[in-house]
PDB file of N, CA and C in Angstrom:
ATOM      1  N   MET A   1     -73.038-175.970  14.108  1.00  0.00           N
ATOM      2  CA  MET A   1     -72.777-176.777  12.857  1.00  0.00           C
ATOM      3  C   MET A   1     -73.707-177.851  12.252  1.00  0.00           C
ATOM      4  N   THR A   2     -73.905-177.715  11.059  1.00  0.00           N
ATOM      5  CA  THR A   2     -75.108-178.658  10.200  1.00  0.00           C
ATOM      6  C   THR A   2     -74.269-180.087   9.689  1.00  0.00           C
ATOM      7  N   PRO A   3     -74.401-180.908  10.061  1.00  0.00           N
ATOM      8  CA  PRO A   3     -73.569-181.925   9.287  1.00  0.00           C
ATOM      9  C   PRO A   3     -74.164-182.234   8.154  1.00  0.00           C
ATOM     10  N   ASN A   4     -73.228-182.720   6.891  1.00  0.00           N
ATOM     11  CA  ASN A   4     -73.834-182.971   5.781  1.00  0.00           C
ATOM     12  C   ASN A   4     -74.074-184.513   5.417  1.00  0.00           C
ATOM     13  N   HIS A   5     -73.938-184.961   6.486  1.00  0.00           N
ATOM     14  CA  HIS A   5     -74.624-186.751   6.525  1.00  0.00           C
ATOM     15  C   HIS A   5     -75.678-186.747   7.356  1.00  0.00           C
ATOM     16  N   PRO A   6     -76.524-187.887   7.137  1.00  0.00           N
ATOM     17  CA  PRO A   6     -77.784-187.956   7.750  1.00  0.00           C
ATOM     18  C   PRO A   6     -77.821-188.500   8.980  1.00  0.00           C
ATOM     19  N   TYR A   7     -76.661-189.098   9.662  1.00  0.00           N
ATOM     20  CA  TYR A   7     -76.318-189.837  10.999  1.00  0.00           C
ATOM     21  C   TYR A   7     -75.082-189.100  11.713  1.00  0.00           C
ATOM     22  N   TRP A   8     -75.523-189.310  12.951  1.00  0.00           N
ATOM     23  CA  TRP A   8     -74.226-189.315  13.657  1.00  0.00           C
ATOM     24  C   TRP A   8     -73.924-190.665  14.464  1.00  0.00           C
ATOM     25  N   TYR A   9     -72.623-190.584  15.014  1.00  0.00           N
ATOM     26  CA  TYR A   9     -72.106-191.961  15.385  1.00  0.00           C
ATOM     27  C   TYR A   9     -71.576-191.884  16.444  1.00  0.00           C
ATOM     28  N   ALA A  10     -71.701-192.749  17.581  1.00  0.00           N
ATOM     29  CA  ALA A  10     -71.070-192.669  18.860  1.00  0.00           C
ATOM     30  C   ALA A  10     -70.966-194.395  19.478  1.00  0.00           C
ATOM     31  N   HIS A  11     -69.929-194.462  20.277  1.00  0.00           N
ATOM     32  CA  HIS A  11     -69.646-195.495  20.756  1.00  0.00           C
ATOM     33  C   HIS A  11     -70.048-195.505  22.120  1.00  0.00           C
ATOM     34  N   ILE A  12     -71.073-196.753  22.404  1.00  0.00           N
ATOM     35  CA  ILE A  12     -72.090-196.594  23.697  1.00  0.00           C
ATOM     36  C   ILE A  12     -70.855-197.339  24.659  1.00  0.00           C
ATOM     37  N   LEU A  13     -70.865-196.251  25.687  1.00  0.00           N
ATOM     38  CA  LEU A  13     -69.837-196.992  26.909  1.00  0.00           C
ATOM     39  C   LEU A  13     -70.864-197.498  28.292  1.00  0.00           C
ATOM     40  N   GLY A  14     -71.884-197.090  28.256  1.00  0.00           N
ATOM     41  CA  GLY A  14     -72.561-197.930  29.036  1.00  0.00           C
ATOM     42  C   GLY A  14     -74.206-197.562  29.297  1.00  0.00           C
ATOM     43  N   ILE A  15     -74.853-198.352  29.427  1.00  0.00           N
ATOM     44  CA  ILE A  15     -76.267-198.063  29.456  1.00  0.00           C
ATOM     45  C   ILE A  15     -76.813-198.228  31.002  1.00  0.00           C
ATOM     46  N   TYR A  16     -77.655-197.102  30.999  1.00  0.00           N
ATOM     47  CA  TYR A  16     -77.969-196.849  32.846  1.00  0.00           C
ATOM     48  C   TYR A  16     -79.573-196.661  32.927  1.00  0.00           C
ATOM     49  N   HIS A  17     -79.772-197.227  34.098  1.00  0.00           N
ATOM     50  CA  HIS A  17     -81.414-196.840  34.489  1.00  0.00           C
ATOM     51  C   HIS A  17     -81.299-196.130  35.842  1.00  0.00           C
ATOM     52  N   MET A  18     -82.206-195.051  35.997  1.00  0.00           N
ATOM     53  CA  MET A  18     -82.308-194.293  37.275  1.00  0.00           C
ATOM     54  C   MET A  18     -83.453-194.228  37.787  1.00  0.00           C
ATOM     55  N   GLU A  19     -83.885-194.235  38.968  1.00  0.00           N
ATOM     56  CA  GLU A  19     -85.181-193.951  39.603  1.00  0.00           C
ATOM     57  C   GLU A  19     -85.007-192.498  40.023  1.00  0.00           C
ATOM     58  N   THR A  20     -85.898-191.347  39.597  1.00  0.00           N
ATOM     59  CA  THR A  20     -85.416-190.097  40.084  1.00  0.00           C
ATOM     60  C   THR A  20     -87.049-189.620  40.533  1.00  0.00           C
ATOM     61  N   TRP A  21     -87.045-188.675  41.432  1.00  0.00           N
ATOM     62  CA  TRP A  21     -88.034-187.668  42.062  1.00  0.00           C
ATOM     63  C   TRP A  21     -88.240-186.209  41.500  1.00  0.00           C
ATOM     64  N   ILE A  22     -89.133-186.080  40.641  1.00  0.00           N
ATOM     65  CA  ILE A  22     -89.327-184.667  40.424  1.00  0.00           C
ATOM     66  C   ILE A  22     -90.130-184.021  41.387  1.00  0.00           C
ATOM     67  N   ASN A  23     -89.857-183.140  41.806  1.00  0.00           N
ATOM     68  CA  ASN A  23     -90.374-181.992  42.663  1.00  0.00           C
ATOM     69  C   ASN A  23     -91.073-180.862  42.081  1.00  0.00           C
ATOM     70  N   ASN A  24     -92.560-180.762  41.611  1.00  0.00           N
ATOM     71  CA  ASN A  24     -93.078-179.959  41.038  1.00  0.00           C
ATOM     72  C   ASN A  24     -93.922-178.969  41.909  1.00  0.00           C
ATOM     73  N   ARG A  25     -93.416-179.017  43.269  1.00  0.00           N
ATOM     74  CA  ARG A  25     -93.860-177.993  44.413  1.00  0.00           C
ATOM     75  C   ARG A  25     -95.343-178.564  44.690  1.00  0.00           C
ATOM     76  N   ALA A  26     -95.647-179.585  44.362  1.00  0.00           N
ATOM     77  CA  ALA A  26     -96.869-180.419  44.932  1.00  0.00           C
ATOM     78  C   ALA A  26     -96.353-181.717  45.333  1.00  0.00           C
ATOM     79  N   GLN A  27     -97.308-182.975  44.727  1.00  0.00           N
ATOM     80  CA  GLN A  27     -96.599-184.121  45.364  1.00  0.00           C
ATOM     81  C   GLN A  27     -95.516-184.269  44.559  1.00  0.00           C
ATOM     82  N   PRO A  28     -94.503-185.267  45.192  1.00  0.00           N
ATOM     83  CA  PRO A  28     -93.025-185.456  44.041  1.00  0.00           C
ATOM     84  C   PRO A  28     -93.739-186.448  43.302  1.00  0.00           C
ATOM     85  N   ILE A  29     -93.273-186.590  42.300  1.00  0.00           N
ATOM     86  CA  ILE A  29     -93.597-187.770  41.318  1.00  0.00           C
ATOM     87  C   ILE A  29     -92.589-188.461  40.958  1.00  0.00           C
ATOM     88  N   GLN A  30     -92.625-189.903  41.119  1.00  0.00           N
ATOM     89  CA  GLN A  30     -91.159-191.064  40.828  1.00  0.00           C
ATOM     90  C   GLN A  30     -91.222-191.067  39.369  1.00  0.00           C
ATOM     91  N   GLN A  31     -89.851-191.149  38.664  1.00  0.00           N
ATOM     92  CA  GLN A  31     -89.773-191.312  37.221  1.00  0.00           C
ATOM     93  C   GLN A  31     -88.710-192.216  37.021  1.00  0.00           C
ATOM     94  N   HIS A  32     -89.046-192.855  35.943  1.00  0.00           N
ATOM     95  CA  HIS A  32     -87.506-193.905  35.417  1.00  0.00           C
ATOM     96  C   HIS A  32     -87.058-193.025  34.340  1.00  0.00           C
ATOM     97  N   LEU A  33     -85.792-193.016  34.358  1.00  0.00           N
ATOM     98  CA  LEU A  33     -85.162-192.770  33.147  1.00  0.00           C
ATOM     99  C   LEU A  33     -84.057-193.995  32.940  1.00  0.00           C
ATOM    100  N   GLU A  34     -83.992-193.705  31.283  1.00  0.00           N
ATOM    101  CA  GLU A  34     -83.152-194.364  30.939  1.00  0.00           C
ATOM    102  C   GLU A  34     -82.165-193.519  30.033  1.00  0.00           C
ATOM    103  N   PHE A  35     -80.787-194.174  29.993  1.00  0.00           N
ATOM    104  CA  PHE A  35     -79.764-192.983  29.089  1.00  0.00           C
ATOM    105  C   PHE A  35     -78.481-193.966  28.652  1.00  0.00           C
ATOM    106  N   LEU A  36     -77.935-193.430  27.676  1.00  0.00           N
ATOM    107  CA  LEU A  36     -76.284-194.117  27.150  1.00  0.00           C
ATOM    108  C   LEU A  36     -75.500-192.918  27.399  1.00  0.00           C
ATOM    109  N   TRP A  37     -74.308-193.515  27.717  1.00  0.00           N
ATOM    110  CA  TRP A  37     -73.322-192.814  27.961  1.00  0.00           C
ATOM    111  C   TRP A  37     -72.404-193.006  26.638  1.00  0.00           C
ATOM    112  N   VAL A  38     -72.031-192.290  25.925  1.00  0.00           N
ATOM    113  CA  VAL A  38     -71.595-192.375  24.879  1.00  0.00           C
ATOM    114  C   VAL A  38     -69.880-191.463  24.597  1.00  0.00           C
ATOM    115  N   ARG A  39     -69.345-192.175  23.689  1.00  0.00           N
ATOM    116  CA  ARG A  39     -68.049-191.389  23.188  1.00  0.00           C
ATOM    117  C   ARG A  39     -68.431-191.029  21.625  1.00  0.00           C
ATOM    118  N   TRP A  40     -68.669-189.935  21.398  1.00  0.00           N
ATOM    119  CA  TRP A  40     -68.730-189.540  19.920  1.00  0.00           C
ATOM    120  C   TRP A  40     -67.601-189.704  18.949  1.00  0.00           C
ATOM    121  N   LEU A  41     -68.169-190.028  17.926  1.00  0.00           N
ATOM    122  CA  LEU A  41     -67.576-190.062  16.637  1.00  0.00           C
ATOM    123  C   LEU A  41     -67.440-189.046  15.533  1.00  0.00           C
ATOM    124  N   ALA A  42     -66.563-188.284  14.701  1.00  0.00           N
ATOM    125  CA  ALA A  42     -66.992-187.564  13.753  1.00  0.00           C
ATOM    126  C   ALA A  42     -66.597-187.919  12.375  1.00  0.00           C
ATOM    127  N   LEU A  43     -67.633-187.465  11.483  1.00  0.00           N
ATOM    128  CA  LEU A  43     -66.703-187.801  10.023  1.00  0.00           C
ATOM    129  C   LEU A  43     -65.500-187.124   9.723  1.00  0.00           C
ATOM    130  N   LEU A  44     -64.540-187.840   8.971  1.00  0.00           N
ATOM    131  CA  LEU A  44     -63.445-187.052   8.793  1.00  0.00           C
ATOM    132  C   LEU A  44     -63.594-185.932   7.831  1.00  0.00           C
ATOM    133  N   GLN A  45     -62.994-185.038   7.849  1.00  0.00           N
ATOM    134  CA  GLN A  45     -62.951-183.650   7.185  1.00  0.00           C
ATOM    135  C   GLN A  45     -62.297-183.765   5.884  1.00  0.00           C
ATOM    136  N   ASN A  46     -62.264-183.340   4.624  1.00  0.00           N
ATOM    137  CA  ASN A  46     -61.921-183.287   3.506  1.00  0.00           C
ATOM    138  C   ASN A  46     -61.605-184.621   2.925  1.00  0.00           C
ATOM    139  N   TYR A  47     -62.276-185.874   3.333  1.00  0.00           N
ATOM    140  CA  TYR A  47     -62.711-187.347   2.983  1.00  0.00           C
ATOM    141  C   TYR A  47     -64.130-187.197   2.020  1.00  0.00           C
ATOM    142  N   LYS A  48     -63.948-187.459   0.975  1.00  0.00           N
ATOM    143  CA  LYS A  48     -64.920-187.615   0.177  1.00  0.00           C
ATOM    144  C   LYS A  48     -65.639-189.252  -0.041  1.00  0.00           C
ATOM    145  N   SER A  49     -66.693-189.388   0.615  1.00  0.00           N
ATOM    146  CA  SER A  49     -67.531-190.745   0.240  1.00  0.00           C
ATOM    147  C   SER A  49     -68.939-190.680  -0.283  1.00  0.00           C
ATOM    148  N   SER A  50     -69.142-191.771  -1.153  1.00  0.00           N
ATOM    149  CA  SER A  50     -70.576-191.690  -1.460  1.00  0.00           C
ATOM    150  C   SER A  50     -70.453-192.840  -2.690  1.00  0.00           C
ATOM    151  N   MET A  51     -71.482-193.163  -3.157  1.00  0.00           N
ATOM    152  CA  MET A  51     -71.756-193.968  -4.221  1.00  0.00           C
ATOM    153  C   MET A  51     -70.855-193.395  -5.791  1.00  0.00           C
ATOM    154  N   LYS A  52     -70.956-192.146  -5.606  1.00  0.00           N
ATOM    155  CA  LYS A  52     -70.338-191.493  -6.897  1.00  0.00           C
ATOM    156  C   LYS A  52     -68.868-191.907  -6.538  1.00  0.00           C
ATOM    157  N   HIS A  53     -68.428-191.458  -5.477  1.00  0.00           N
ATOM    158  CA  HIS A  53     -66.873-191.729  -5.412  1.00  0.00           C
ATOM    159  C   HIS A  53     -66.309-193.170  -4.981  1.00  0.00           C
ATOM    160  N   ALA A  54     -67.231-194.346  -4.713  1.00  0.00           N
ATOM    161  CA  ALA A  54     -67.232-195.730  -4.513  1.00  0.00           C
ATOM    162  C   ALA A  54     -66.433-195.936  -3.297  1.00  0.00           C
ATOM    163  N   ARG A  55     -66.671-194.848  -2.102  1.00  0.00           N
ATOM    164  CA  ARG A  55     -65.801-195.072  -0.912  1.00  0.00           C
ATOM    165  C   ARG A  55     -67.022-194.996   0.292  1.00  0.00           C
ATOM    166  N   LEU A  56     -66.892-195.719   1.199  1.00  0.00           N
ATOM    167  CA  LEU A  56     -67.601-195.843   2.391  1.00  0.00           C
ATOM    168  C   LEU A  56     -67.207-194.540   3.465  1.00  0.00           C
ATOM    169  N   PRO A  57     -68.110-194.031   4.294  1.00  0.00           N
ATOM    170  CA  PRO A  57     -68.112-192.938   5.038  1.00  0.00           C
ATOM    171  C   PRO A  57     -66.733-192.990   5.868  1.00  0.00           C
ATOM    172  N   LYS A  58     -65.959-192.508   6.322  1.00  0.00           N
ATOM    173  CA  LYS A  58     -64.952-192.714   7.428  1.00  0.00           C
ATOM    174  C   LYS A  58     -65.164-191.692   8.763  1.00  0.00           C
ATOM    175  N   VAL A  59     -65.040-192.463   9.626  1.00  0.00           N
ATOM    176  CA  VAL A  59     -65.223-191.611  11.207  1.00  0.00           C
ATOM    177  C   VAL A  59     -63.857-191.818  11.893  1.00  0.00           C
ATOM    178  N   ALA A  60     -63.829-190.906  12.702  1.00  0.00           N
ATOM    179  CA  ALA A  60     -62.470-191.037  14.070  1.00  0.00           C
ATOM    180  C   ALA A  60     -63.187-190.458  15.177  1.00  0.00           C
ATOM    181  N   PHE A  61     -63.028-191.089  16.131  1.00  0.00           N
ATOM    182  CA  PHE A  61     -63.022-190.769  17.752  1.00  0.00           C
ATOM    183  C   PHE A  61     -62.861-188.777  17.830  1.00  0.00           C
ATOM    184  N   VAL A  62     -63.863-188.282  18.115  1.00  0.00           N
ATOM    185  CA  VAL A  62     -63.470-186.797  18.889  1.00  0.00           C
ATOM    186  C   VAL A  62     -62.398-186.516  19.634  1.00  0.00           C
ATOM    187  N   ASP A  63     -61.552-185.742  19.379  1.00  0.00           N
ATOM    188  CA  ASP A  63     -60.288-185.418  20.243  1.00  0.00           C
ATOM    189  C   ASP A  63     -60.648-185.231  21.669  1.00  0.00           C
ATOM    190  N   GLU A  64     -60.003-185.570  22.825  1.00  0.00           N
ATOM    191  CA  GLU A  64     -60.515-185.624  23.970  1.00  0.00           C
ATOM    192  C   GLU A  64     -60.555-184.071  24.503  1.00  0.00           C
ATOM    193  N   THR A  65     -59.674-183.345  23.863  1.00  0.00           N
ATOM    194  CA  THR A  65     -59.589-181.876  24.155  1.00  0.00           C
ATOM    195  C   THR A  65     -60.896-181.086  23.827  1.00  0.00           C
ATOM    196  N   ASP A  66     -61.923-181.804  23.022  1.00  0.00           N
ATOM    197  CA  ASP A  66     -62.977-181.162  22.719  1.00  0.00           C
ATOM    198  C   ASP A  66     -64.053-181.493  23.747  1.00  0.00           C
ATOM    199  N   PRO A  67     -64.896-180.445  24.514  1.00  0.00           N
ATOM    200  CA  PRO A  67     -65.610-180.515  25.290  1.00  0.00           C
ATOM    201  C   PRO A  67     -66.806-181.312  24.926  1.00  0.00           C
ATOM    202  N   ASP A  68     -67.067-181.743  23.782  1.00  0.00           N
ATOM    203  CA  ASP A  68     -68.185-182.690  23.561  1.00  0.00           C
ATOM    204  C   ASP A  68     -67.853-183.961  23.048  1.00  0.00           C
ATOM    205  N   THR A  69     -66.590-184.470  23.565  1.00  0.00           N
ATOM    206  CA  THR A  69     -66.070-185.861  23.245  1.00  0.00           C
ATOM    207  C   THR A  69     -67.055-186.728  23.929  1.00  0.00           C
ATOM    208  N   PHE A  70     -67.569-186.780  25.091  1.00  0.00           N
ATOM    209  CA  PHE A  70     -68.465-187.959  25.650  1.00  0.00           C
ATOM    210  C   PHE A  70     -69.711-187.088  25.893  1.00  0.00           C
ATOM    211  N   GLY A  71     -70.937-187.975  25.985  1.00  0.00           N
ATOM    212  CA  GLY A  71     -72.510-187.238  26.101  1.00  0.00           C
ATOM    213  C   GLY A  71     -72.885-188.122  26.584  1.00  0.00           C
ATOM    214  N   PHE A  72     -74.463-187.846  26.926  1.00  0.00           N
ATOM    215  CA  PHE A  72     -75.672-188.674  27.350  1.00  0.00           C
ATOM    216  C   PHE A  72     -76.466-188.830  26.320  1.00  0.00           C
ATOM    217  N   LEU A  73     -76.941-189.642  25.836  1.00  0.00           N
ATOM    218  CA  LEU A  73     -77.948-189.718  24.834  1.00  0.00           C
ATOM    219  C   LEU A  73     -79.295-190.351  25.229  1.00  0.00           C
ATOM    220  N   ASP A  74     -80.319-190.380  24.796  1.00  0.00           N
ATOM    221  CA  ASP A  74     -81.795-190.923  25.045  1.00  0.00           C
ATOM    222  C   ASP A  74     -81.741-191.864  24.118  1.00  0.00           C
ATOM    223  N   PRO A  75     -82.105-193.334  24.805  1.00  0.00           N
ATOM    224  CA  PRO A  75     -82.154-194.733  24.134  1.00  0.00           C
ATOM    225  C   PRO A  75     -83.001-194.547  22.863  1.00  0.00           C
ATOM    226  N   GLY A  76     -84.107-193.595  23.083  1.00  0.00           N
ATOM    227  CA  GLY A  76     -84.914-193.513  21.983  1.00  0.00           C
ATOM    228  C   GLY A  76     -84.701-192.752  20.747  1.00  0.00           C
ATOM    229  N   GLN A  77     -83.473-191.770  20.811  1.00  0.00           N
ATOM    230  CA  GLN A  77     -83.162-191.302  19.769  1.00  0.00           C
ATOM    231  C   GLN A  77     -82.184-192.178  18.809  1.00  0.00           C
ATOM    232  N   VAL A  78     -81.604-193.549  19.011  1.00  0.00           N
ATOM    233  CA  VAL A  78     -80.568-194.343  18.689  1.00  0.00           C
ATOM    234  C   VAL A  78     -81.725-195.031  17.633  1.00  0.00           C
ATOM    235  N   VAL A  79     -81.108-194.826  16.350  1.00  0.00           N
ATOM    236  CA  VAL A  79     -81.667-195.625  15.012  1.00  0.00           C
ATOM    237  C   VAL A  79     -81.582-196.817  15.083  1.00  0.00           C
ATOM    238  N   ARG A  80     -80.330-197.353  15.097  1.00  0.00           N
ATOM    239  CA  ARG A  80     -79.942-198.641  14.939  1.00  0.00           C
ATOM    240  C   ARG A  80     -78.212-198.571  15.115  1.00  0.00           C
ATOM    241  N   GLY A  81     -77.780-199.748  15.130  1.00  0.00           N
ATOM    242  CA  GLY A  81     -76.629-200.229  15.386  1.00  0.00           C
ATOM    243  C   GLY A  81     -75.946-199.834  13.970  1.00  0.00           C
ATOM    244  N   ALA A  82     -74.886-200.033  14.038  1.00  0.00           N
ATOM    245  CA  ALA A  82     -73.776-199.537  12.870  1.00  0.00           C
ATOM    246  C   ALA A  82     -72.419-200.547  12.936  1.00  0.00           C
ATOM    247  N   HIS A  83     -72.156-200.839  11.828  1.00  0.00           N
ATOM    248  CA  HIS A  83     -70.658-201.867  12.142  1.00  0.00           C
ATOM    249  C   HIS A  83     -69.476-201.134  11.067  1.00  0.00           C
ATOM    250  N   LEU A  84     -68.794-200.906  12.364  1.00  0.00           N
ATOM    251  CA  LEU A  84     -67.590-200.095  11.876  1.00  0.00           C
ATOM    252  C   LEU A  84     -66.331-201.069  11.820  1.00  0.00           C
ATOM    253  N   ILE A  85     -65.608-200.596  10.676  1.00  0.00           N
ATOM    254  CA  ILE A  85     -64.613-201.311  10.527  1.00  0.00           C
ATOM    255  C   ILE A  85     -63.156-200.444  10.175  1.00  0.00           C
ATOM    256  N   PRO A  86     -62.204-201.333  11.217  1.00  0.00           N
ATOM    257  CA  PRO A  86     -61.122-200.596  11.482  1.00  0.00           C
ATOM    258  C   PRO A  86     -60.641-200.198  10.032  1.00  0.00           C
ATOM    259  N   VAL A  87     -60.001-198.939   9.814  1.00  0.00           N
ATOM    260  CA  VAL A  87     -58.982-198.507   8.870  1.00  0.00           C
ATOM    261  C   VAL A  87     -57.544-199.159   8.821  1.00  0.00           C
ATOM    262  N   PHE A  88     -57.292-200.307   8.805  1.00  0.00           N
ATOM    263  CA  PHE A  88     -55.925-201.052   9.060  1.00  0.00           C
ATOM    264  C   PHE A  88     -55.092-200.388   8.383  1.00  0.00           C
ATOM    265  N   ALA A  89     -55.249-199.313   7.441  1.00  0.00           N
ATOM    266  CA  ALA A  89     -54.156-198.697   6.888  1.00  0.00           C
ATOM    267  C   ALA A  89     -53.557-197.468   7.619  1.00  0.00           C
ATOM    268  N   SER A  90     -54.705-197.263   8.399  1.00  0.00           N
ATOM    269  CA  SER A  90     -54.255-195.975   9.725  1.00  0.00           C
ATOM    270  C   SER A  90     -53.644-196.930  10.639  1.00  0.00           C
ATOM    271  N   GLU A  91     -53.219-196.162  11.746  1.00  0.00           N
ATOM    272  CA  GLU A  91     -52.358-196.777  12.857  1.00  0.00           C
ATOM    273  C   GLU A  91     -53.681-197.156  13.831  1.00  0.00           C
ATOM    274  N   HIS A  92     -52.956-198.171  14.616  1.00  0.00           N
ATOM    275  CA  HIS A  92     -53.725-198.368  15.816  1.00  0.00           C
ATOM    276  C   HIS A  92     -53.010-197.806  17.072  1.00  0.00           C
ATOM    277  N   GLY A  93     -53.390-196.245  17.129  1.00  0.00           N
ATOM    278  CA  GLY A  93     -52.915-195.456  17.999  1.00  0.00           C
ATOM    279  C   GLY A  93     -53.442-194.633  19.043  1.00  0.00           C
ATOM    280  N   THR A  94     -52.958-193.694  19.554  1.00  0.00           N
ATOM    281  CA  THR A  94     -53.321-192.632  20.611  1.00  0.00           C
ATOM    282  C   THR A  94     -53.460-191.337  20.123  1.00  0.00           C
ATOM    283  N   SER A  95     -53.690-191.016  19.339  1.00  0.00           N
ATOM    284  CA  SER A  95     -53.679-189.486  19.068  1.00  0.00           C
ATOM    285  C   SER A  95     -55.339-189.018  19.367  1.00  0.00           C
ATOM    286  N   TRP A  96     -56.189-189.770  19.645  1.00  0.00           N
ATOM    287  CA  TRP A  96     -57.495-189.118  20.429  1.00  0.00           C
ATOM    288  C   TRP A  96     -57.852-189.064  21.478  1.00  0.00           C
ATOM    289  N   LEU A  97     -57.374-189.827  22.100  1.00  0.00           N
ATOM    290  CA  LEU A  97     -57.022-190.363  23.730  1.00  0.00           C
ATOM    291  C   LEU A  97     -55.750-190.862  24.049  1.00  0.00           C
ATOM    292  N   ARG A  98     -55.828-190.345  25.698  1.00  0.00           N
ATOM    293  CA  ARG A  98     -54.436-190.738  26.077  1.00  0.00           C
ATOM    294  C   ARG A  98     -54.395-191.896  26.441  1.00  0.00           C
ATOM    295  N   TYR A  99     -53.337-192.485  25.971  1.00  0.00           N
ATOM    296  CA  TYR A  99     -52.726-193.968  26.032  1.00  0.00           C
ATOM    297  C   TYR A  99     -52.721-194.607  27.576  1.00  0.00           C
ATOM    298  N   GLY A 100     -53.264-195.915  27.738  1.00  0.00           N
ATOM    299  CA  GLY A 100     -53.444-196.245  28.886  1.00  0.00           C
ATOM    300  C   GLY A 100     -54.577-196.889  29.412  1.00  0.00           C
ATOM    301  N   ARG A 101     -54.796-197.534  30.483  1.00  0.00           N
ATOM    302  CA  ARG A 101     -55.967-197.869  30.940  1.00  0.00           C
ATOM    303  C   ARG A 101     -57.095-197.019  30.963  1.00  0.00           C
ATOM    304  N   SER A 102     -58.294-197.112  30.449  1.00  0.00           N
ATOM    305  CA  SER A 102     -59.312-196.370  30.409  1.00  0.00           C
ATOM    306  C   SER A 102     -60.769-197.244  30.445  1.00  0.00           C
ATOM    307  N   LEU A 103     -61.926-196.501  31.058  1.00  0.00           N
ATOM    308  CA  LEU A 103     -63.216-196.925  30.788  1.00  0.00           C
ATOM    309  C   LEU A 103     -63.587-196.905  29.478  1.00  0.00           C
ATOM    310  N   VAL A 104     -63.133-196.230  28.573  1.00  0.00           N
ATOM    311  CA  VAL A 104     -63.584-196.247  27.157  1.00  0.00           C
ATOM    312  C   VAL A 104     -62.914-197.249  26.167  1.00  0.00           C
ATOM    313  N   HIS A 105     -61.821-197.955  26.745  1.00  0.00           N
ATOM    314  CA  HIS A 105     -61.312-198.523  25.905  1.00  0.00           C
ATOM    315  C   HIS A 105     -62.178-200.335  26.146  1.00  0.00           C
ATOM    316  N   HIS A 106     -62.188-201.054  24.923  1.00  0.00           N
ATOM    317  CA  HIS A 106     -62.793-202.406  25.116  1.00  0.00           C
ATOM    318  C   HIS A 106     -61.710-203.331  25.983  1.00  0.00           C
ATOM    319  N   GLY A 107     -62.219-204.291  26.877  1.00  0.00           N
ATOM    320  CA  GLY A 107     -61.657-205.353  27.389  1.00  0.00           C
ATOM    321  C   GLY A 107     -60.363-204.924  27.769  1.00  0.00           C
ATOM    322  N   GLY A 108     -60.110-204.110  28.234  1.00  0.00           N
ATOM    323  CA  GLY A 108     -58.624-203.725  28.713  1.00  0.00           C
ATOM    324  C   GLY A 108     -57.708-203.180  27.694  1.00  0.00           C
ATOM    325  N   GLU A 109     -57.794-203.160  26.593  1.00  0.00           N
ATOM    326  CA  GLU A 109     -57.218-202.417  25.356  1.00  0.00           C
ATOM    327  C   GLU A 109     -56.695-200.997  26.121  1.00  0.00           C
ATOM    328  N   LEU A 110     -55.661-200.593  25.403  1.00  0.00           N
ATOM    329  CA  LEU A 110     -54.841-199.642  25.546  1.00  0.00           C
ATOM    330  C   LEU A 110     -54.844-198.364  24.655  1.00  0.00           C
ATOM    331  N   ASP A 111     -55.438-198.609  23.811  1.00  0.00           N
ATOM    332  CA  ASP A 111     -55.604-197.822  22.530  1.00  0.00           C
ATOM    333  C   ASP A 111     -56.534-198.073  21.645  1.00  0.00           C
ATOM    334  N   ASP A 112     -57.003-197.430  20.770  1.00  0.00           N
ATOM    335  CA  ASP A 112     -58.109-197.847  19.616  1.00  0.00           C
ATOM    336  C   ASP A 112     -57.386-197.356  18.261  1.00  0.00           C
ATOM    337  N   TRP A 113     -58.245-197.820  17.142  1.00  0.00           N
ATOM    338  CA  TRP A 113     -57.830-197.711  16.005  1.00  0.00           C
ATOM    339  C   TRP A 113     -57.965-196.286  15.709  1.00  0.00           C
ATOM    340  N   GLU A 114     -57.092-195.572  14.781  1.00  0.00           N
ATOM    341  CA  GLU A 114     -57.295-193.988  14.375  1.00  0.00           C
ATOM    342  C   GLU A 114     -58.523-193.690  13.949  1.00  0.00           C
ATOM    343  N   GLU A 115     -58.774-194.460  12.643  1.00  0.00           N
ATOM    344  CA  GLU A 115     -60.049-194.246  11.953  1.00  0.00           C
ATOM    345  C   GLU A 115     -61.030-195.666  11.638  1.00  0.00           C
ATOM    346  N   TYR A 116     -62.112-195.450  11.129  1.00  0.00           N
ATOM    347  CA  TYR A 116     -62.897-196.630  11.051  1.00  0.00           C
ATOM    348  C   TYR A 116     -63.863-196.063   9.880  1.00  0.00           C
ATOM    349  N   TYR A 117     -64.058-197.136   8.935  1.00  0.00           N
ATOM    350  CA  TYR A 117     -65.096-197.357   7.802  1.00  0.00           C
ATOM    351  C   TYR A 117     -66.688-197.463   8.368  1.00  0.00           C
ATOM    352  N   VAL A 118     -67.708-196.975   7.998  1.00  0.00           N
ATOM    353  CA  VAL A 118     -68.738-197.232   7.976  1.00  0.00           C
ATOM    354  C   VAL A 118     -69.613-197.910   7.106  1.00  0.00           C
ATOM    355  N   SER A 119     -69.920-199.303   7.585  1.00  0.00           N
ATOM    356  CA  SER A 119     -70.412-200.023   6.443  1.00  0.00           C
ATOM    357  C   SER A 119     -71.721-199.822   6.501  1.00  0.00           C
ATOM    358  N   MET A 120     -72.096-200.123   4.930  1.00  0.00           N
ATOM    359  CA  MET A 120     -73.580-199.855   4.472  1.00  0.00           C
ATOM    360  C   MET A 120     -73.909-200.986   4.190  1.00  0.00           C
TER     361      MET A 120
END
């Protein structure tokens, strides 16, 4: 699928550093790896946003049943941070991830906002 929006959005769940050994049949080589554990957000379908429509892009977390809900990302691929504004008219609910304690919720919260605006 090719997105019609220039960016992908993710919530960073963790920043990791790892020392690994690569065995290339000769002398093993030690390598330092850095990666991000992320929870992906997707643009809402059938929602038009642009300067023409005078609306900010709107995103929501990818449903937990999707095999690509979570992923790993090279920090070098991150362009910059984005300010996400909860869509207060939508619910503070549980449709994208089961309700309850989880590593993916901030500060012990039990659920997330359903939708977010991407501030520009």
